[in-house]
PDB file of N, CA and C in Angstrom:
ATOM      1  N   MET A   1       0.835  -1.171   0.000  1.00  0.00           N
ATOM      2  CA  MET A   1       0.000   0.000   0.000  1.00  0.00           C
ATOM      3  C   MET A   1       0.888   1.246   0.000  1.00  0.00           C
ATOM      4  N   ILE A   2       0.529   2.206  -0.828  1.00  0.00           N
ATOM      5  CA  ILE A   2       1.244   3.476  -0.892  1.00  0.00           C
ATOM      6  C   ILE A   2       0.250   4.597  -0.609  1.00  0.00           C
ATOM      7  N   LEU A   3       0.597   5.447   0.346  1.00  0.00           N
ATOM      8  CA  LEU A   3      -0.164   6.663   0.600  1.00  0.00           C
ATOM      9  C   LEU A   3       0.561   7.793  -0.113  1.00  0.00           C
ATOM     10  N   HIS A   4      -0.085   8.341  -1.128  1.00  0.00           N
ATOM     11  CA  HIS A   4       0.484   9.424  -1.940  1.00  0.00           C
ATOM     12  C   HIS A   4      -0.148  10.719  -1.477  1.00  0.00           C
ATOM     13  N   THR A   5       0.679  11.692  -1.095  1.00  0.00           N
ATOM     14  CA  THR A   5       0.172  12.973  -0.620  1.00  0.00           C
ATOM     15  C   THR A   5       0.916  14.105  -1.309  1.00  0.00           C
ATOM     16  N   VAL A   6       0.214  15.203  -1.496  1.00  0.00           N
ATOM     17  CA  VAL A   6       0.843  16.393  -2.029  1.00  0.00           C
ATOM     18  C   VAL A   6       0.195  17.599  -1.356  1.00  0.00           C
ATOM     19  N   ALA A   7       1.018  18.484  -0.820  1.00  0.00           N
ATOM     20  CA  ALA A   7       0.561  19.756  -0.257  1.00  0.00           C
ATOM     21  C   ALA A   7       0.987  20.836  -1.240  1.00  0.00           C
ATOM     22  N   PHE A   8       0.104  21.830  -1.470  1.00  0.00           N
ATOM     23  CA  PHE A   8       0.403  22.797  -2.518  1.00  0.00           C
ATOM     24  C   PHE A   8      -0.249  24.147  -2.273  1.00  0.00           C
ATOM     25  N   LYS A   9       0.274  25.129  -2.977  1.00  0.00           N
ATOM     26  CA  LYS A   9      -0.258  26.492  -2.998  1.00  0.00           C
ATOM     27  C   LYS A   9      -0.501  26.833  -4.462  1.00  0.00           C
ATOM     28  N   THR A  10      -1.713  27.270  -4.764  1.00  0.00           N
ATOM     29  CA  THR A  10      -2.012  27.653  -6.138  1.00  0.00           C
ATOM     30  C   THR A  10      -1.632  29.109  -6.377  1.00  0.00           C
ATOM     31  N   LYS A  11      -1.623  29.500  -7.636  1.00  0.00           N
ATOM     32  CA  LYS A  11      -1.366  30.888  -8.018  1.00  0.00           C
ATOM     33  C   LYS A  11      -2.643  31.731  -7.969  1.00  0.00           C
ATOM     34  N   HIS A  12      -3.753  31.094  -7.644  1.00  0.00           N
ATOM     35  CA  HIS A  12      -5.048  31.763  -7.688  1.00  0.00           C
ATOM     36  C   HIS A  12      -5.357  32.507  -6.391  1.00  0.00           C
ATOM     37  N   LYS A  13      -6.202  33.505  -6.513  1.00  0.00           N
ATOM     38  CA  LYS A  13      -6.677  34.249  -5.361  1.00  0.00           C
ATOM     39  C   LYS A  13      -7.531  33.320  -4.498  1.00  0.00           C
ATOM     40  N   THR A  14      -7.344  33.400  -3.184  1.00  0.00           N
ATOM     41  CA  THR A  14      -8.098  32.575  -2.258  1.00  0.00           C
ATOM     42  C   THR A  14      -9.598  32.779  -2.452  1.00  0.00           C
ATOM     43  N   GLY A  15     -10.303  31.668  -2.596  1.00  0.00           N
ATOM     44  CA  GLY A  15     -11.750  31.718  -2.759  1.00  0.00           C
ATOM     45  C   GLY A  15     -12.236  32.033  -4.158  1.00  0.00           C
ATOM     46  N   SER A  16     -11.325  32.143  -5.099  1.00  0.00           N
ATOM     47  CA  SER A  16     -11.706  32.520  -6.462  1.00  0.00           C
ATOM     48  C   SER A  16     -12.318  31.349  -7.231  1.00  0.00           C
ATOM     49  N   ARG A  17     -12.993  31.683  -8.306  1.00  0.00           N
ATOM     50  CA  ARG A  17     -13.550  30.682  -9.212  1.00  0.00           C
ATOM     51  C   ARG A  17     -12.432  29.820  -9.777  1.00  0.00           C
ATOM     52  N   GLU A  18     -11.298  30.430 -10.127  1.00  0.00           N
ATOM     53  CA  GLU A  18     -10.161  29.688 -10.688  1.00  0.00           C
ATOM     54  C   GLU A  18      -9.623  28.673  -9.693  1.00  0.00           C
ATOM     55  N   GLU A  19      -9.544  29.063  -8.426  1.00  0.00           N
ATOM     56  CA  GLU A  19      -9.078  28.141  -7.395  1.00  0.00           C
ATOM     57  C   GLU A  19     -10.030  26.945  -7.289  1.00  0.00           C
ATOM     58  N   ARG A  20     -11.327  27.216  -7.244  1.00  0.00           N
ATOM     59  CA  ARG A  20     -12.330  26.157  -7.144  1.00  0.00           C
ATOM     60  C   ARG A  20     -12.256  25.230  -8.351  1.00  0.00           C
ATOM     61  N   GLU A  21     -12.128  25.796  -9.545  1.00  0.00           N
ATOM     62  CA  GLU A  21     -12.063  24.973 -10.753  1.00  0.00           C
ATOM     63  C   GLU A  21     -10.808  24.103 -10.776  1.00  0.00           C
ATOM     64  N   PHE A  22      -9.702  24.632 -10.285  1.00  0.00           N
ATOM     65  CA  PHE A  22      -8.478  23.839 -10.211  1.00  0.00           C
ATOM     66  C   PHE A  22      -8.677  22.650  -9.263  1.00  0.00           C
ATOM     67  N   LEU A  23      -9.231  22.914  -8.088  1.00  0.00           N
ATOM     68  CA  LEU A  23      -9.454  21.842  -7.116  1.00  0.00           C
ATOM     69  C   LEU A  23     -10.415  20.794  -7.674  1.00  0.00           C
ATOM     70  N   GLU A  24     -11.460  21.228  -8.347  1.00  0.00           N
ATOM     71  CA  GLU A  24     -12.400  20.285  -8.954  1.00  0.00           C
ATOM     72  C   GLU A  24     -11.715  19.418 -10.008  1.00  0.00           C
ATOM     73  N   ALA A  25     -10.845  20.026 -10.799  1.00  0.00           N
ATOM     74  CA  ALA A  25     -10.108  19.261 -11.814  1.00  0.00           C
ATOM     75  C   ALA A  25      -9.204  18.228 -11.153  1.00  0.00           C
ATOM     76  N   GLY A  26      -8.546  18.602 -10.067  1.00  0.00           N
ATOM     77  CA  GLY A  26      -7.702  17.661  -9.346  1.00  0.00           C
ATOM     78  C   GLY A  26      -8.499  16.538  -8.723  1.00  0.00           C
ATOM     79  N   MET A  27      -9.655  16.888  -8.170  1.00  0.00           N
ATOM     80  CA  MET A  27     -10.484  15.888  -7.519  1.00  0.00           C
ATOM     81  C   MET A  27     -11.049  14.876  -8.507  1.00  0.00           C
ATOM     82  N   ALA A  28     -11.117  15.223  -9.776  1.00  0.00           N
ATOM     83  CA  ALA A  28     -11.585  14.285 -10.798  1.00  0.00           C
ATOM     84  C   ALA A  28     -10.658  13.080 -10.916  1.00  0.00           C
ATOM     85  N   LEU A  29      -9.411  13.213 -10.463  1.00  0.00           N
ATOM     86  CA  LEU A  29      -8.480  12.082 -10.496  1.00  0.00           C
ATOM     87  C   LEU A  29      -8.948  10.946  -9.596  1.00  0.00           C
ATOM     88  N   ALA A  30      -9.849  11.238  -8.674  1.00  0.00           N
ATOM     89  CA  ALA A  30     -10.409  10.192  -7.811  1.00  0.00           C
ATOM     90  C   ALA A  30     -11.153   9.141  -8.611  1.00  0.00           C
ATOM     91  N   ASN A  31     -11.573   9.490  -9.824  1.00  0.00           N
ATOM     92  CA  ASN A  31     -12.331   8.557 -10.658  1.00  0.00           C
ATOM     93  C   ASN A  31     -11.466   7.540 -11.383  1.00  0.00           C
ATOM     94  N   LEU A  32     -10.149   7.715 -11.342  1.00  0.00           N
ATOM     95  CA  LEU A  32      -9.281   6.736 -11.992  1.00  0.00           C
ATOM     96  C   LEU A  32      -9.370   5.409 -11.235  1.00  0.00           C
ATOM     97  N   PRO A  33      -9.367   4.297 -11.939  1.00  0.00           N
ATOM     98  CA  PRO A  33      -9.667   3.007 -11.300  1.00  0.00           C
ATOM     99  C   PRO A  33      -8.661   2.562 -10.242  1.00  0.00           C
ATOM    100  N   MET A  34      -7.427   3.018 -10.324  1.00  0.00           N
ATOM    101  CA  MET A  34      -6.423   2.561  -9.361  1.00  0.00           C
ATOM    102  C   MET A  34      -6.340   3.450  -8.120  1.00  0.00           C
ATOM    103  N   VAL A  35      -7.067   4.563  -8.116  1.00  0.00           N
ATOM    104  CA  VAL A  35      -7.035   5.519  -7.003  1.00  0.00           C
ATOM    105  C   VAL A  35      -8.053   5.102  -5.949  1.00  0.00           C
ATOM    106  N   LYS A  36      -7.587   5.008  -4.716  1.00  0.00           N
ATOM    107  CA  LYS A  36      -8.455   4.671  -3.578  1.00  0.00           C
ATOM    108  C   LYS A  36      -8.391   5.810  -2.556  1.00  0.00           C
ATOM    109  N   ASN A  37      -9.475   6.015  -1.861  1.00  0.00           N
ATOM    110  CA  ASN A  37      -9.527   6.933  -0.708  1.00  0.00           C
ATOM    111  C   ASN A  37      -9.002   8.326  -1.019  1.00  0.00           C
ATOM    112  N   PHE A  38      -9.393   8.882  -2.146  1.00  0.00           N
ATOM    113  CA  PHE A  38      -8.946  10.227  -2.516  1.00  0.00           C
ATOM    114  C   PHE A  38      -9.570  11.242  -1.555  1.00  0.00           C
ATOM    115  N   GLU A  39      -8.751  12.179  -1.082  1.00  0.00           N
ATOM    116  CA  GLU A  39      -9.210  13.244  -0.199  1.00  0.00           C
ATOM    117  C   GLU A  39      -8.596  14.569  -0.643  1.00  0.00           C
ATOM    118  N   CYS A  40      -9.355  15.634  -0.463  1.00  0.00           N
ATOM    119  CA  CYS A  40      -8.871  16.992  -0.689  1.00  0.00           C
ATOM    120  C   CYS A  40      -8.938  17.716   0.650  1.00  0.00           C
ATOM    121  N   TYR A  41      -7.868  18.390   1.027  1.00  0.00           N
ATOM    122  CA  TYR A  41      -7.780  19.054   2.320  1.00  0.00           C
ATOM    123  C   TYR A  41      -7.473  20.532   2.152  1.00  0.00           C
ATOM    124  N   LYS A  42      -7.956  21.321   3.096  1.00  0.00           N
ATOM    125  CA  LYS A  42      -7.598  22.735   3.185  1.00  0.00           C
ATOM    126  C   LYS A  42      -6.696  22.893   4.395  1.00  0.00           C
ATOM    127  N   GLN A  43      -5.570  23.538   4.199  1.00  0.00           N
ATOM    128  CA  GLN A  43      -4.589  23.761   5.265  1.00  0.00           C
ATOM    129  C   GLN A  43      -5.176  24.695   6.325  1.00  0.00           C
ATOM    130  N   THR A  44      -5.020  24.334   7.574  1.00  0.00           N
ATOM    131  CA  THR A  44      -5.465  25.202   8.663  1.00  0.00           C
ATOM    132  C   THR A  44      -4.305  25.684   9.526  1.00  0.00           C
ATOM    133  N   GLY A  45      -3.176  24.997   9.461  1.00  0.00           N
ATOM    134  CA  GLY A  45      -2.022  25.383  10.262  1.00  0.00           C
ATOM    135  C   GLY A  45      -1.252  26.525   9.625  1.00  0.00           C
ATOM    136  N   ARG A  46      -0.328  27.068  10.384  1.00  0.00           N
ATOM    137  CA  ARG A  46       0.473  28.201   9.901  1.00  0.00           C
ATOM    138  C   ARG A  46       1.962  27.867   9.847  1.00  0.00           C
ATOM    139  N   LYS A  47       2.313  26.600   9.884  1.00  0.00           N
ATOM    140  CA  LYS A  47       3.718  26.208   9.925  1.00  0.00           C
ATOM    141  C   LYS A  47       4.337  26.039   8.548  1.00  0.00           C
ATOM    142  N   ASN A  48       3.534  26.180   7.480  1.00  0.00           N
ATOM    143  CA  ASN A  48       4.063  26.076   6.135  1.00  0.00           C
ATOM    144  C   ASN A  48       3.223  26.950   5.209  1.00  0.00           C
ATOM    145  N   PRO A  49       3.699  27.210   4.000  1.00  0.00           N
ATOM    146  CA  PRO A  49       2.992  28.122   3.093  1.00  0.00           C
ATOM    147  C   PRO A  49       1.903  27.466   2.236  1.00  0.00           C
ATOM    148  N   PHE A  50       1.682  26.173   2.390  1.00  0.00           N
ATOM    149  CA  PHE A  50       0.756  25.478   1.518  1.00  0.00           C
ATOM    150  C   PHE A  50      -0.693  25.745   1.918  1.00  0.00           C
ATOM    151  N   GLU A  51      -1.594  25.692   0.941  1.00  0.00           N
ATOM    152  CA  GLU A  51      -3.010  25.995   1.167  1.00  0.00           C
ATOM    153  C   GLU A  51      -3.898  24.759   1.154  1.00  0.00           C
ATOM    154  N   PHE A  52      -3.535  23.771   0.338  1.00  0.00           N
ATOM    155  CA  PHE A  52      -4.380  22.600   0.128  1.00  0.00           C
ATOM    156  C   PHE A  52      -3.543  21.338   0.101  1.00  0.00           C
ATOM    157  N   GLY A  53      -4.222  20.213   0.183  1.00  0.00           N
ATOM    158  CA  GLY A  53      -3.559  18.929   0.042  1.00  0.00           C
ATOM    159  C   GLY A  53      -4.472  17.934  -0.630  1.00  0.00           C
ATOM    160  N   PHE A  54      -3.879  17.060  -1.407  1.00  0.00           N
ATOM    161  CA  PHE A  54      -4.567  15.894  -1.960  1.00  0.00           C
ATOM    162  C   PHE A  54      -3.887  14.672  -1.365  1.00  0.00           C
ATOM    163  N   SER A  55      -4.658  13.654  -1.071  1.00  0.00           N
ATOM    164  CA  SER A  55      -4.075  12.371  -0.677  1.00  0.00           C
ATOM    165  C   SER A  55      -4.883  11.253  -1.319  1.00  0.00           C
ATOM    166  N   MET A  56      -4.218  10.150  -1.563  1.00  0.00           N
ATOM    167  CA  MET A  56      -4.859   8.980  -2.151  1.00  0.00           C
ATOM    168  C   MET A  56      -4.027   7.756  -1.830  1.00  0.00           C
ATOM    169  N   VAL A  57      -4.640   6.616  -1.975  1.00  0.00           N
ATOM    170  CA  VAL A  57      -3.987   5.347  -1.664  1.00  0.00           C
ATOM    171  C   VAL A  57      -3.935   4.494  -2.920  1.00  0.00           C
ATOM    172  N   PHE A  58      -2.817   3.794  -3.074  1.00  0.00           N
ATOM    173  CA  PHE A  58      -2.653   2.808  -4.140  1.00  0.00           C
ATOM    174  C   PHE A  58      -2.351   1.463  -3.496  1.00  0.00           C
ATOM    175  N   ASP A  59      -2.938   0.422  -4.040  1.00  0.00           N
ATOM    176  CA  ASP A  59      -2.747  -0.913  -3.481  1.00  0.00           C
ATOM    177  C   ASP A  59      -1.348  -1.466  -3.720  1.00  0.00           C
ATOM    178  N   SER A  60      -0.667  -0.965  -4.766  1.00  0.00           N
ATOM    179  CA  SER A  60       0.632  -1.546  -5.123  1.00  0.00           C
ATOM    180  C   SER A  60       1.493  -0.531  -5.873  1.00  0.00           C
ATOM    181  N   ASP A  61       2.760  -0.860  -6.003  1.00  0.00           N
ATOM    182  CA  ASP A  61       3.668  -0.049  -6.820  1.00  0.00           C
ATOM    183  C   ASP A  61       3.171   0.008  -8.264  1.00  0.00           C
ATOM    184  N   GLN A  62       2.622  -1.098  -8.735  1.00  0.00           N
ATOM    185  CA  GLN A  62       2.128  -1.150 -10.109  1.00  0.00           C
ATOM    186  C   GLN A  62       0.964  -0.172 -10.303  1.00  0.00           C
ATOM    187  N   ASP A  63       0.067  -0.098  -9.326  1.00  0.00           N
ATOM    188  CA  ASP A  63      -1.043   0.850  -9.411  1.00  0.00           C
ATOM    189  C   ASP A  63      -0.540   2.295  -9.381  1.00  0.00           C
ATOM    190  N   TYR A  64       0.453   2.553  -8.541  1.00  0.00           N
ATOM    191  CA  TYR A  64       1.025   3.901  -8.460  1.00  0.00           C
ATOM    192  C   TYR A  64       1.694   4.282  -9.782  1.00  0.00           C
ATOM    193  N   ASP A  65       2.433   3.355 -10.364  1.00  0.00           N
ATOM    194  CA  ASP A  65       3.069   3.603 -11.660  1.00  0.00           C
ATOM    195  C   ASP A  65       2.024   3.823 -12.755  1.00  0.00           C
ATOM    196  N   ALA A  66       0.959   3.027 -12.733  1.00  0.00           N
ATOM    197  CA  ALA A  66      -0.105   3.182 -13.726  1.00  0.00           C
ATOM    198  C   ALA A  66      -0.777   4.544 -13.594  1.00  0.00           C
ATOM    199  N   TYR A  67      -0.965   5.006 -12.371  1.00  0.00           N
ATOM    200  CA  TYR A  67      -1.534   6.342 -12.126  1.00  0.00           C
ATOM    201  C   TYR A  67      -0.631   7.424 -12.720  1.00  0.00           C
ATOM    202  N   ASN A  68       0.651   7.330 -12.467  1.00  0.00           N
ATOM    203  CA  ASN A  68       1.588   8.336 -12.973  1.00  0.00           C
ATOM    204  C   ASN A  68       1.635   8.382 -14.490  1.00  0.00           C
ATOM    205  N   ARG A  69       1.338   7.268 -15.154  1.00  0.00           N
ATOM    206  CA  ARG A  69       1.341   7.208 -16.614  1.00  0.00           C
ATOM    207  C   ARG A  69      -0.041   7.421 -17.229  1.00  0.00           C
ATOM    208  N   HIS A  70      -1.075   7.405 -16.404  1.00  0.00           N
ATOM    209  CA  HIS A  70      -2.439   7.480 -16.931  1.00  0.00           C
ATOM    210  C   HIS A  70      -2.650   8.798 -17.688  1.00  0.00           C
ATOM    211  N   PRO A  71      -3.254   8.747 -18.871  1.00  0.00           N
ATOM    212  CA  PRO A  71      -3.428   9.959 -19.682  1.00  0.00           C
ATOM    213  C   PRO A  71      -4.165  11.095 -18.964  1.00  0.00           C
ATOM    214  N   GLU A  72      -5.135  10.780 -18.122  1.00  0.00           N
ATOM    215  CA  GLU A  72      -5.850  11.844 -17.406  1.00  0.00           C
ATOM    216  C   GLU A  72      -4.958  12.514 -16.372  1.00  0.00           C
ATOM    217  N   HIS A  73      -4.133  11.743 -15.690  1.00  0.00           N
ATOM    218  CA  HIS A  73      -3.195  12.319 -14.721  1.00  0.00           C
ATOM    219  C   HIS A  73      -2.142  13.154 -15.447  1.00  0.00           C
ATOM    220  N   VAL A  74      -1.588  12.618 -16.504  1.00  0.00           N
ATOM    221  CA  VAL A  74      -0.567  13.338 -17.277  1.00  0.00           C
ATOM    222  C   VAL A  74      -1.136  14.653 -17.802  1.00  0.00           C
ATOM    223  N   ALA A  75      -2.349  14.630 -18.317  1.00  0.00           N
ATOM    224  CA  ALA A  75      -2.984  15.851 -18.834  1.00  0.00           C
ATOM    225  C   ALA A  75      -3.214  16.863 -17.719  1.00  0.00           C
ATOM    226  N   PHE A  76      -3.660  16.403 -16.549  1.00  0.00           N
ATOM    227  CA  PHE A  76      -3.859  17.321 -15.423  1.00  0.00           C
ATOM    228  C   PHE A  76      -2.543  17.996 -15.035  1.00  0.00           C
ATOM    229  N   VAL A  77      -1.488  17.216 -14.941  1.00  0.00           N
ATOM    230  CA  VAL A  77      -0.181  17.777 -14.566  1.00  0.00           C
ATOM    231  C   VAL A  77       0.288  18.777 -15.613  1.00  0.00           C
ATOM    232  N   GLU A  78       0.228  18.399 -16.871  1.00  0.00           N
ATOM    233  CA  GLU A  78       0.732  19.269 -17.936  1.00  0.00           C
ATOM    234  C   GLU A  78      -0.125  20.516 -18.151  1.00  0.00           C
ATOM    235  N   ASN A  79      -1.446  20.362 -18.088  1.00  0.00           N
ATOM    236  CA  ASN A  79      -2.346  21.462 -18.442  1.00  0.00           C
ATOM    237  C   ASN A  79      -2.791  22.317 -17.272  1.00  0.00           C
ATOM    238  N   ARG A  80      -2.762  21.771 -16.068  1.00  0.00           N
ATOM    239  CA  ARG A  80      -3.253  22.531 -14.918  1.00  0.00           C
ATOM    240  C   ARG A  80      -2.153  22.717 -13.875  1.00  0.00           C
ATOM    241  N   TRP A  81      -1.628  21.604 -13.377  1.00  0.00           N
ATOM    242  CA  TRP A  81      -0.676  21.651 -12.261  1.00  0.00           C
ATOM    243  C   TRP A  81       0.540  22.515 -12.595  1.00  0.00           C
ATOM    244  N   ASN A  82       1.178  22.255 -13.702  1.00  0.00           N
ATOM    245  CA  ASN A  82       2.416  22.964 -14.043  1.00  0.00           C
ATOM    246  C   ASN A  82       2.217  24.461 -14.243  1.00  0.00           C
ATOM    247  N   THR A  83       1.019  24.893 -14.554  1.00  0.00           N
ATOM    248  CA  THR A  83       0.773  26.312 -14.791  1.00  0.00           C
ATOM    249  C   THR A  83       0.057  27.014 -13.638  1.00  0.00           C
ATOM    250  N   GLU A  84      -0.637  26.258 -12.770  1.00  0.00           N
ATOM    251  CA  GLU A  84      -1.468  26.884 -11.744  1.00  0.00           C
ATOM    252  C   GLU A  84      -0.970  26.696 -10.316  1.00  0.00           C
ATOM    253  N   VAL A  85       0.032  25.863 -10.114  1.00  0.00           N
ATOM    254  CA  VAL A  85       0.565  25.629  -8.775  1.00  0.00           C
ATOM    255  C   VAL A  85       1.847  26.440  -8.592  1.00  0.00           C
ATOM    256  N   GLU A  86       1.865  27.188  -7.505  1.00  0.00           N
ATOM    257  CA  GLU A  86       3.022  28.035  -7.192  1.00  0.00           C
ATOM    258  C   GLU A  86       4.132  27.253  -6.503  1.00  0.00           C
ATOM    259  N   ASP A  87       3.755  26.377  -5.573  1.00  0.00           N
ATOM    260  CA  ASP A  87       4.742  25.614  -4.813  1.00  0.00           C
ATOM    261  C   ASP A  87       4.066  24.359  -4.275  1.00  0.00           C
ATOM    262  N   PHE A  88       4.845  23.303  -4.064  1.00  0.00           N
ATOM    263  CA  PHE A  88       4.279  22.057  -3.531  1.00  0.00           C
ATOM    264  C   PHE A  88       5.371  21.183  -2.941  1.00  0.00           C
ATOM    265  N   ILE A  89       4.912  20.221  -2.166  1.00  0.00           N
ATOM    266  CA  ILE A  89       5.767  19.146  -1.681  1.00  0.00           C
ATOM    267  C   ILE A  89       4.975  17.854  -1.819  1.00  0.00           C
ATOM    268  N   GLU A  90       5.649  16.838  -2.316  1.00  0.00           N
ATOM    269  CA  GLU A  90       5.022  15.532  -2.517  1.00  0.00           C
ATOM    270  C   GLU A  90       5.669  14.542  -1.569  1.00  0.00           C
ATOM    271  N   LEU A  91       4.835  13.777  -0.873  1.00  0.00           N
ATOM    272  CA  LEU A  91       5.317  12.761   0.053  1.00  0.00           C
ATOM    273  C   LEU A  91       4.581  11.463  -0.221  1.00  0.00           C
ATOM    274  N   ASP A  92       5.320  10.377  -0.319  1.00  0.00           N
ATOM    275  CA  ASP A  92       4.752   9.057  -0.548  1.00  0.00           C
ATOM    276  C   ASP A  92       5.211   8.140   0.575  1.00  0.00           C
ATOM    277  N   TYR A  93       4.254   7.429   1.139  1.00  0.00           N
ATOM    278  CA  TYR A  93       4.544   6.583   2.298  1.00  0.00           C
ATOM    279  C   TYR A  93       4.102   5.154   2.051  1.00  0.00           C
ATOM    280  N   THR A  94       4.852   4.233   2.640  1.00  0.00           N
ATOM    281  CA  THR A  94       4.383   2.862   2.827  1.00  0.00           C
ATOM    282  C   THR A  94       4.368   2.634   4.319  1.00  0.00           C
ATOM    283  N   ARG A  95       3.525   1.702   4.742  1.00  0.00           N
ATOM    284  CA  ARG A  95       3.440   1.406   6.163  1.00  0.00           C
ATOM    285  C   ARG A  95       4.785   0.866   6.651  1.00  0.00           C
ATOM    286  N   HIS A  96       5.229   1.386   7.787  1.00  0.00           N
ATOM    287  CA  HIS A  96       6.511   0.975   8.355  1.00  0.00           C
ATOM    288  C   HIS A  96       6.267   0.336   9.709  1.00  0.00           C
ATOM    289  N   GLU A  97       6.729  -0.863   9.857  1.00  0.00           N
ATOM    290  CA  GLU A  97       6.600  -1.560  11.142  1.00  0.00           C
ATOM    291  C   GLU A  97       7.838  -1.252  11.976  1.00  0.00           C
ATOM    292  N   ILE A  98       7.651  -0.913  13.220  1.00  0.00           N
ATOM    293  CA  ILE A  98       8.749  -0.554  14.114  1.00  0.00           C
ATOM    294  C   ILE A  98       9.757  -1.697  14.215  1.00  0.00           C
ATOM    295  N   SER A  99       9.300  -2.921  14.129  1.00  0.00           N
ATOM    296  CA  SER A  99      10.200  -4.062  14.228  1.00  0.00           C
ATOM    297  C   SER A  99      11.208  -4.108  13.089  1.00  0.00           C
ATOM    298  N   GLU A 100      10.996  -3.306  12.030  1.00  0.00           N
ATOM    299  CA  GLU A 100      11.919  -3.293  10.895  1.00  0.00           C
ATOM    300  C   GLU A 100      13.173  -2.470  11.173  1.00  0.00           C
ATOM    301  N   ILE A 101      13.180  -1.724  12.260  1.00  0.00           N
ATOM    302  CA  ILE A 101      14.325  -0.863  12.575  1.00  0.00           C
ATOM    303  C   ILE A 101      15.469  -1.690  13.108  1.00  0.00           C
TER     304      ILE A 101
END
């Protein structure tokens, strides 16, 4: 299982139509067959400059790779993300058992 997360700040004015449309376009990725438990978050803390977050789960490395190559994901990144996101950080996790240390 892979938990894929990304925290980001858009170039759009807070509360604008453009911001909402960007988030809606990102949330459409939840419809891809390999995406599980898609969530969209609004940042409430003040410890970083990010405004929003997306998270999703993949059952396997193969599903994660298929997502990264999927035409809808590629189009979103090329047509929306690369032009509308000001800054971001991406974090991917697998479950870690303490006994593995």
